Each structure stands twice: as C-alpha cells, then as structure tokens.
Amino acid sequence: MSFKVLMAAAITALAGMVFVVSAGAGPLPDRLSDTGLFVEGSTSEVRAGVLSFTPQYPLWSDGAIKRRWIYLPPGTFIDASRPSAWEFPRGTRLWKEFRLERRVETRFIERLADGSWRYATYIWSEDGQDAVLASGEGIASLTLNGTEPRQYSIPSELDCRACHEGPAVPVLGFSALQLSSDRDPLAVHAESLRADDVDLRKLIERGLVRNLPTSLIKTPPRISAASPTERAALGYLHGNCGQCHTNSSDASVPVDLQLAQDVTDPASTEKVLQSLRSSSSQFRLPGTTAAVPLVSPGASHNSALLIRMRSRDASVQMPPLGTAIPDSEGLALIARWIDQDKNPSTSRE
C-alpha cells in the first residue's frame, strides 16, 4: 500500500474520532501568555524551569526561524529505558515558536493526567503583544504583511495528530539522537546552540533524563555512515521523514519505508539503506507506465525520493503536510548524496 493511501486512511480515521480532554485538565488557555511559557506580564522572558533546546536535525518549515522549549513538572523526569521512545511525565509541556519577519505562531503540546496528549496553536498579533488560540480547524491561508507579503498555513488539530501520533512517542525533535552532543557539522539548517540550551549530557546531569543505557551516556549517539555527506543526508531524512516512515508497529502508520534511526541498533543505518534500496515505489512520471526507483544510484533526477521531496503537487509532495516551499538546501544535500556517494562508479558499497 502506498504512503499516500496510508496517510489518507490515517487522517480519515482521526477525523472520525472524538478527542476527549481529560477530566480536570481544563480548557486550553485563550492566550499563549497563560500557558506557562513566559514570566507573568511578559511575552518574551521565559519562565524559570522552562528549558530551551535545539535539535541537530531540524524539520524544514518553509524557512521559518524556530525556537523550542520544554517544561517538566518539579520532581519528575523522562524515563529513557526505551532510548528511541522516551516516556515523558504527566504535565510535560512543549512549545515551538515560528518566526518569519516576526513571530507568527507558537505550537503547544501537553501531556495530561491520564497520559493523553493535546495540541494547540497560538497565532501572534502583528504587534507581538500576545498570541491567541487558533481554532482546532486551523487556518488554510493567513496573510502575513511585511517586506515580502505571503500566505501562511496554520495546522489543524488533525494535522498535528497525523504527524505526532505516528511514532512511538508524540514528542518530535527531543530525543537522544536529536540532543546528542556529537552534533553533525553538515546538518542542513543546523542552528547554533544557545547558551541556555539543554542537550543530552545536561539533561542527564540534572537528573531530568534517567535510565538511558550506559553505552549512550559514554558515547553520545550519532548516525553511523560511510561519509560525512551520508551522515547528514540520513539525519535529514530522519528529522523530516522519520516521524512517519518509522519501524513503528502501528498499523495506521506507513511502514513500507524506514527512515527513522534507532540509536540502540548498530544495524540501524544499514536497515535504512536497505529500506531505500528495496522498498517498491508506486510513483510514475506523467505519461509513463514504469515506476520510478525510490533511489536510483548516481541519478538523483530519476529518484522518486528527490522528485517527491521537490514537488508541491498535493498528490505527489513529501512530506505531505507542513510545508509549501521546497527546501533547496535539503534537496541539494540529498541529490549530492545520491549522485556522488551512491554512484556505482565511485561508491565503495
């Protein structure tokens, strides 16, 4: 079954559900300033106990500059017994701010007392005074004024769930690999760590991440690869595609292609590469009947992976949600990897 069909089925299934807010959780605040991110009376000074972090393989979001924070209730910690599926305590909150010429939106997720998660988006006023809760239906086209006026899309709750609830844990970008101190210098759109950012080492030292296998503490996790370019390319696919193309056993999630890295599995990279080699592609160019190979070694122009990443045709685009502008730097990296590292005439494979 194709990814497109499986994604459509997953979204259809979600649309038929009734999402019940945990008793006692209370309604979502109408304003971002009431979610606990900022010091009272401020919309810029972050509250004590709220931690800033920066993943090494960020998700492409049409060029938006992002900031991210997490809050863990006092006395709690993240159980990392399953290193690729951390268990977050009840009361965990995360925020992700999107900025173009100004702050546009801040997305918020929270783990409730019954273990479920809820999702919300707050839209910033043009003057930056505060951000107000968006409808759960999202906004298909929000006009942003500025030196370069543009249209911007606010995700619906179903969009949030479609991406976040496919993996084993709905928190994306906050993991052993993403927070590793062994950061990839070639990671596309990598952001410099801020002085107040936490990484895996700091979280362990503070007792906020516990039960991580000793091997991952002694040797910070990294993607094993045959070259620096391959490491960055696989990291990009992990950060941008791995949330859906995972080895999850959830039947509603596409499993025909594995792009998520497992930091506990020494063979993880080979499994990803094997998946790219062996997964059948259903994609066909207009006017043709033969399926285009997912990855055609040495020929990125004939690789469905790159063609679909480049397209913004709704029936072709990958990822299918969250972006309206192709990522030129990400495309260049994947093309370089296919054309050079995977070229049969030069590859050592």
Protein backbone atom coordinates (compact mmCIF):
# COMPACT_ATOMS: atom_id res chain seq x y z
CA MET A 1 0.00 0.00 0.00
CA SER A 2 1.38 3.43 -0.90
CA PHE A 3 2.30 6.12 1.61
CA LYS A 4 -0.37 8.44 0.17
CA VAL A 5 -3.13 5.87 0.68
CA LEU A 6 -1.96 5.05 4.22
CA MET A 7 -1.71 8.73 5.19
CA ALA A 8 -5.20 9.39 3.81
CA ALA A 9 -6.51 6.41 5.80
CA ALA A 10 -4.82 7.64 8.97
CA ILE A 11 -6.25 11.16 8.63
CA THR A 12 -9.69 9.75 7.82
CA ALA A 13 -9.55 7.57 10.93
CA LEU A 14 -8.54 10.54 13.06
CA ALA A 15 -11.33 12.64 11.59
CA GLY A 16 -13.83 10.05 12.79
CA MET A 17 -12.61 10.15 16.36
CA VAL A 18 -13.93 12.26 19.19
CA PHE A 19 -11.00 13.66 21.16
CA VAL A 20 -11.94 13.89 24.81
CA VAL A 21 -9.99 16.23 27.07
CA SER A 22 -9.03 14.54 30.31
CA ALA A 23 -11.37 15.33 33.18
CA GLY A 24 -9.86 18.06 35.31
CA ALA A 25 -7.44 19.24 32.62
CA GLY A 26 -9.48 22.34 31.98
CA PRO A 27 -9.86 24.14 28.66
CA LEU A 28 -6.84 25.35 26.77
CA PRO A 29 -5.88 28.93 27.68
CA ASP A 30 -7.09 31.55 25.22
CA ARG A 31 -3.67 33.23 25.19
CA LEU A 32 -0.16 31.89 24.92
CA SER A 33 0.91 34.04 27.85
CA ASP A 34 -1.30 31.86 30.06
CA THR A 35 0.24 28.51 29.07
CA GLY A 36 3.22 28.83 31.42
CA LEU A 37 5.90 29.71 28.87
CA PHE A 38 6.58 33.28 29.93
CA VAL A 39 7.09 35.19 33.15
CA GLU A 40 3.82 36.80 34.18
CA GLY A 41 3.34 40.11 32.38
CA SER A 42 5.89 39.29 29.66
CA THR A 43 5.73 37.69 26.24
CA SER A 44 9.50 37.46 25.80
CA GLU A 45 11.05 36.48 29.16
CA VAL A 46 10.81 32.71 29.58
CA ARG A 47 9.72 31.39 32.95
CA ALA A 48 12.25 29.72 35.24
CA GLY A 49 12.11 25.94 34.85
CA VAL A 50 11.25 26.13 31.14
CA LEU A 51 14.20 24.72 29.19
CA SER A 52 15.36 25.77 25.73
CA PHE A 53 16.60 23.13 23.28
CA THR A 54 17.71 22.86 19.66
CA PRO A 55 17.60 19.58 17.71
CA GLN A 56 20.56 18.86 15.46
CA TYR A 57 18.36 17.79 12.51
CA PRO A 58 15.57 20.39 12.37
CA LEU A 59 12.36 19.93 10.43
CA TRP A 60 12.10 22.14 7.33
CA SER A 61 9.29 24.67 7.84
CA ASP A 62 9.43 26.92 4.78
CA GLY A 63 12.39 28.89 6.07
CA ALA A 64 10.85 29.85 9.41
CA ILE A 65 13.24 30.52 12.28
CA LYS A 66 12.21 28.43 15.26
CA ARG A 67 12.71 28.29 18.99
CA ARG A 68 11.71 25.39 21.20
CA TRP A 69 11.11 24.88 24.93
CA ILE A 70 10.12 22.07 27.27
CA TYR A 71 8.76 22.08 30.81
CA LEU A 72 8.83 19.08 33.15
CA PRO A 73 6.90 19.32 36.43
CA PRO A 74 9.12 19.64 39.53
CA GLY A 75 10.37 16.30 40.80
CA THR A 76 9.66 14.47 37.55
CA PHE A 77 11.96 13.09 34.89
CA ILE A 78 11.95 11.48 31.46
CA ASP A 79 12.33 7.70 31.55
CA ALA A 80 14.75 6.76 28.74
CA SER A 81 14.64 2.99 29.35
CA ARG A 82 13.47 2.76 25.75
CA PRO A 83 16.05 5.09 24.19
CA SER A 84 14.10 5.64 20.96
CA ALA A 85 10.75 6.12 22.73
CA TRP A 86 11.19 8.24 25.84
CA GLU A 87 8.43 8.23 28.43
CA PHE A 88 7.53 11.82 29.32
CA PRO A 89 5.90 12.55 32.68
CA ARG A 90 2.33 13.78 33.02
CA GLY A 91 2.31 17.55 32.92
CA THR A 92 5.06 17.82 30.30
CA ARG A 93 4.62 20.86 28.08
CA LEU A 94 6.43 21.82 24.88
CA TRP A 95 6.34 24.95 22.76
CA LYS A 96 7.71 25.68 19.29
CA GLU A 97 7.82 29.25 18.01
CA PHE A 98 7.82 30.05 14.28
CA ARG A 99 9.22 33.37 13.13
CA LEU A 100 9.45 34.86 9.65
CA GLU A 101 9.85 38.65 9.71
CA ARG A 102 8.07 38.48 13.07
CA ARG A 103 6.70 35.83 15.37
CA VAL A 104 3.85 34.14 13.53
CA GLU A 105 2.74 31.16 15.61
CA THR A 106 3.68 29.07 18.61
CA ARG A 107 2.63 25.45 18.73
CA PHE A 108 1.91 23.84 22.08
CA ILE A 109 1.55 20.23 23.19
CA GLU A 110 0.84 18.98 26.69
CA ARG A 111 0.64 15.59 28.33
CA LEU A 112 -2.44 15.33 30.51
CA ALA A 113 -3.02 13.48 33.77
CA ASP A 114 -4.49 10.44 32.01
CA GLY A 115 -1.42 10.11 29.77
CA SER A 116 -3.04 11.51 26.63
CA TRP A 117 -1.67 14.49 24.71
CA ARG A 118 -3.38 17.62 23.50
CA TYR A 119 -2.28 20.01 20.77
CA ALA A 120 -2.86 23.69 20.12
CA THR A 121 -1.56 26.56 18.02
CA TYR A 122 -1.38 30.20 19.10
CA ILE A 123 -1.28 32.97 16.48
CA TRP A 124 0.75 36.09 17.22
CA SER A 125 -0.69 39.56 16.71
CA GLU A 126 1.24 41.75 14.27
CA ASP A 127 2.43 43.97 17.12
CA GLY A 128 3.76 40.93 19.01
CA GLN A 129 1.80 41.74 22.17
CA ASP A 130 0.44 38.21 22.58
CA ALA A 131 -0.72 35.15 20.69
CA VAL A 132 -4.28 33.86 20.73
CA LEU A 133 -5.57 30.31 20.50
CA ALA A 134 -6.37 29.24 16.94
CA SER A 135 -9.38 27.16 16.03
CA GLY A 136 -8.86 23.43 16.02
CA GLU A 137 -9.75 23.56 12.34
CA GLY A 138 -6.60 25.55 11.60
CA ILE A 139 -6.30 28.31 9.01
CA ALA A 140 -5.69 27.35 5.40
CA SER A 141 -4.34 30.75 4.38
CA LEU A 142 -3.24 33.51 6.75
CA THR A 143 -1.98 36.72 5.11
CA LEU A 144 1.31 37.95 6.53
CA ASN A 145 2.21 41.53 5.77
CA GLY A 146 5.81 42.71 5.61
CA THR A 147 8.55 43.45 3.13
CA GLU A 148 7.61 40.19 1.41
CA PRO A 149 3.86 39.59 1.95
CA ARG A 150 2.95 35.91 1.85
CA GLN A 151 0.28 33.39 2.70
CA TYR A 152 0.83 31.13 5.67
CA SER A 153 -0.98 27.99 6.80
CA ILE A 154 -1.87 27.19 10.42
CA PRO A 155 -2.22 23.43 11.02
CA SER A 156 -5.43 21.90 12.31
CA GLU A 157 -5.51 19.57 15.30
CA LEU A 158 -5.88 16.65 12.88
CA ASP A 159 -2.73 17.79 11.06
CA CYS A 160 -0.86 17.86 14.37
CA ARG A 161 -2.03 14.39 15.32
CA ALA A 162 -1.29 12.95 11.87
CA CYS A 163 2.40 13.82 12.27
CA HIS A 164 2.89 13.49 16.03
CA GLU A 165 0.94 10.34 16.73
CA GLY A 166 2.57 8.09 14.15
CA PRO A 167 5.84 7.47 16.05
CA ALA A 168 6.13 5.57 19.32
CA VAL A 169 6.09 8.88 21.23
CA PRO A 170 4.45 12.12 20.00
CA VAL A 171 7.31 14.40 21.05
CA LEU A 172 9.41 15.13 17.96
CA GLY A 173 12.90 16.63 17.90
CA PHE A 174 13.59 15.93 21.58
CA SER A 175 15.42 12.61 21.70
CA ALA A 176 18.79 11.01 22.35
CA LEU A 177 19.91 11.48 18.76
CA GLN A 178 18.49 14.97 18.29
CA LEU A 179 20.03 16.23 21.55
CA SER A 180 23.34 14.38 21.26
CA SER A 181 26.45 16.44 21.99
CA ASP A 182 28.08 14.76 18.98
CA ARG A 183 26.39 17.16 16.58
CA ASP A 184 26.58 16.81 12.83
CA PRO A 185 28.53 19.77 11.35
CA LEU A 186 26.90 19.23 7.94
CA ALA A 187 23.31 19.08 9.20
CA VAL A 188 21.12 21.20 6.92
CA HIS A 189 19.65 24.30 8.59
CA ALA A 190 21.51 23.46 11.78
CA GLU A 191 21.03 26.15 14.39
CA SER A 192 23.77 27.20 16.77
CA LEU A 193 23.23 26.05 20.32
CA ARG A 194 22.16 28.86 22.63
CA ALA A 195 23.88 29.41 25.95
CA ASP A 196 20.77 28.28 27.82
CA ASP A 197 20.03 25.23 25.64
CA VAL A 198 19.98 21.80 27.25
CA ASP A 199 21.46 18.81 25.48
CA LEU A 200 21.53 15.12 26.36
CA ARG A 201 24.51 15.48 28.69
CA LYS A 202 22.97 18.38 30.64
CA LEU A 203 19.64 16.60 30.96
CA ILE A 204 21.35 13.51 32.39
CA GLU A 205 23.50 15.57 34.78
CA ARG A 206 20.38 17.31 36.11
CA GLY A 207 18.56 14.03 36.57
CA LEU A 208 15.89 15.03 34.05
CA VAL A 209 16.65 12.06 31.78
CA ARG A 210 17.19 8.76 33.57
CA ASN A 211 17.70 5.08 32.73
CA LEU A 212 19.43 5.72 29.42
CA PRO A 213 21.73 2.79 28.57
CA THR A 214 25.28 3.40 29.80
CA SER A 215 26.65 2.95 26.29
CA LEU A 216 24.73 6.03 25.09
CA ILE A 217 25.99 8.06 28.04
CA LYS A 218 29.63 7.14 27.49
CA THR A 219 29.42 7.56 23.71
CA PRO A 220 26.91 10.21 22.58
CA PRO A 221 24.65 8.78 19.86
CA ARG A 222 25.36 9.58 16.22
CA ILE A 223 24.32 8.22 12.85
CA SER A 224 26.80 5.68 11.56
CA ALA A 225 27.54 6.46 7.92
CA ALA A 226 30.11 5.82 5.20
CA SER A 227 30.80 9.53 4.71
CA PRO A 228 30.00 12.94 6.25
CA THR A 229 27.56 13.59 3.40
CA GLU A 230 25.73 10.33 4.06
CA ARG A 231 25.53 11.08 7.78
CA ALA A 232 23.93 14.47 7.06
CA ALA A 233 21.59 13.02 4.41
CA LEU A 234 20.35 10.25 6.68
CA GLY A 235 19.99 12.77 9.51
CA TYR A 236 17.90 15.00 7.25
CA LEU A 237 15.63 12.08 6.32
CA HIS A 238 15.36 11.11 10.00
CA GLY A 239 14.35 14.63 11.05
CA ASN A 240 11.99 15.35 8.16
CA CYS A 241 10.57 11.95 7.23
CA GLY A 242 11.26 9.54 10.09
CA GLN A 243 8.18 10.53 12.11
CA CYS A 244 6.00 8.72 9.55
CA HIS A 245 8.47 6.38 7.86
CA THR A 246 9.35 4.53 11.02
CA ASN A 247 9.58 0.97 12.23
CA SER A 248 6.52 1.52 14.40
CA SER A 249 4.11 -1.40 14.71
CA ASP A 250 1.13 0.96 14.48
CA ALA A 251 -0.89 -0.35 11.53
CA SER A 252 -2.14 3.14 10.63
CA VAL A 253 1.41 4.38 10.03
CA PRO A 254 3.22 3.74 6.73
CA VAL A 255 5.87 1.09 7.31
CA ASP A 256 6.87 0.40 3.71
CA LEU A 257 9.92 2.66 4.12
CA GLN A 258 12.05 3.04 7.26
CA LEU A 259 13.88 6.36 7.58
CA ALA A 260 13.90 6.74 11.37
CA GLN A 261 17.17 5.95 13.12
CA ASP A 262 17.27 3.66 16.16
CA VAL A 263 20.14 4.73 18.43
CA THR A 264 20.25 1.34 20.17
CA ASP A 265 20.59 -0.69 16.98
CA PRO A 266 24.10 -0.88 15.46
CA ALA A 267 22.47 -2.01 12.22
CA SER A 268 20.04 0.91 12.09
CA THR A 269 21.80 2.73 9.26
CA GLU A 270 22.05 -0.43 7.16
CA LYS A 271 18.34 -1.07 7.73
CA VAL A 272 17.53 2.43 6.49
CA LEU A 273 19.77 1.99 3.45
CA GLN A 274 18.30 -1.44 2.75
CA SER A 275 14.81 0.03 3.02
CA LEU A 276 15.73 2.71 0.48
CA ARG A 277 17.13 0.05 -1.85
CA SER A 278 14.34 -2.48 -1.56
CA SER A 279 11.12 -0.53 -0.94
CA SER A 280 8.95 -0.54 -4.03
CA SER A 281 7.96 2.83 -5.47
CA GLN A 282 4.47 3.44 -6.81
CA PHE A 283 5.47 6.79 -8.29
CA ARG A 284 5.29 7.28 -12.05
CA LEU A 285 6.18 10.32 -14.12
CA PRO A 286 3.32 11.78 -16.22
CA GLY A 287 2.91 9.87 -19.45
CA THR A 288 4.94 6.87 -18.28
CA THR A 289 3.98 3.44 -17.00
CA ALA A 290 7.19 2.31 -15.32
CA ALA A 291 7.63 3.09 -11.63
CA VAL A 292 10.48 5.46 -10.82
CA PRO A 293 13.02 3.86 -8.43
CA LEU A 294 12.94 5.27 -4.92
CA VAL A 295 16.68 5.90 -5.14
CA SER A 296 18.46 5.48 -8.45
CA PRO A 297 22.17 5.33 -7.54
CA GLY A 298 24.10 8.09 -9.29
CA ALA A 299 20.94 9.55 -10.82
CA SER A 300 19.05 11.83 -8.44
CA HIS A 301 16.96 13.16 -11.34
CA ASN A 302 15.47 9.68 -11.69
CA SER A 303 14.92 9.05 -7.96
CA ALA A 304 11.35 9.19 -6.65
CA LEU A 305 12.65 10.23 -3.23
CA LEU A 306 14.01 13.51 -4.57
CA ILE A 307 11.25 14.10 -7.12
CA ARG A 308 8.59 13.85 -4.43
CA MET A 309 10.55 16.00 -1.98
CA ARG A 310 10.83 18.69 -4.67
CA SER A 311 7.18 18.61 -5.77
CA ARG A 312 4.40 20.68 -4.23
CA ASP A 313 1.66 18.90 -6.13
CA ALA A 314 -0.65 17.67 -3.36
CA SER A 315 -0.81 14.18 -4.88
CA VAL A 316 2.99 13.86 -5.08
CA GLN A 317 4.55 16.00 -2.32
CA MET A 318 6.59 14.52 0.50
CA PRO A 319 6.27 15.25 3.34
CA PRO A 320 2.56 15.75 2.59
CA LEU A 321 1.96 18.25 5.42
CA GLY A 322 3.60 21.29 6.93
CA THR A 323 5.42 22.86 4.01
CA ALA A 324 4.51 24.81 0.86
CA ILE A 325 8.05 25.69 -0.28
CA PRO A 326 10.65 23.11 -1.40
CA ASP A 327 13.81 23.02 0.72
CA SER A 328 16.58 23.92 -1.74
CA GLU A 329 19.40 23.12 0.71
CA GLY A 330 17.88 19.80 1.74
CA LEU A 331 17.29 18.87 -1.90
CA ALA A 332 20.89 19.75 -2.77
CA LEU A 333 22.18 17.53 0.05
CA ILE A 334 20.08 14.52 -0.94
CA ALA A 335 20.98 14.99 -4.62
CA ARG A 336 24.69 15.17 -3.76
CA TRP A 337 24.42 12.01 -1.70
CA ILE A 338 22.63 10.08 -4.47
CA ASP A 339 24.79 11.40 -7.31
CA GLN A 340 28.15 11.09 -5.59
CA ASP A 341 28.08 8.77 -2.57
CA LYS A 342 25.63 6.31 -4.15
CA ASN A 343 27.15 6.46 -7.65
CA PRO A 344 28.12 2.88 -8.62
CA SER A 345 31.23 4.14 -10.44
CA THR A 346 32.63 5.81 -7.33
CA SER A 347 30.86 4.21 -4.37
CA ARG A 348 32.67 1.69 -2.19
CA GLU A 349 29.46 -0.22 -1.47
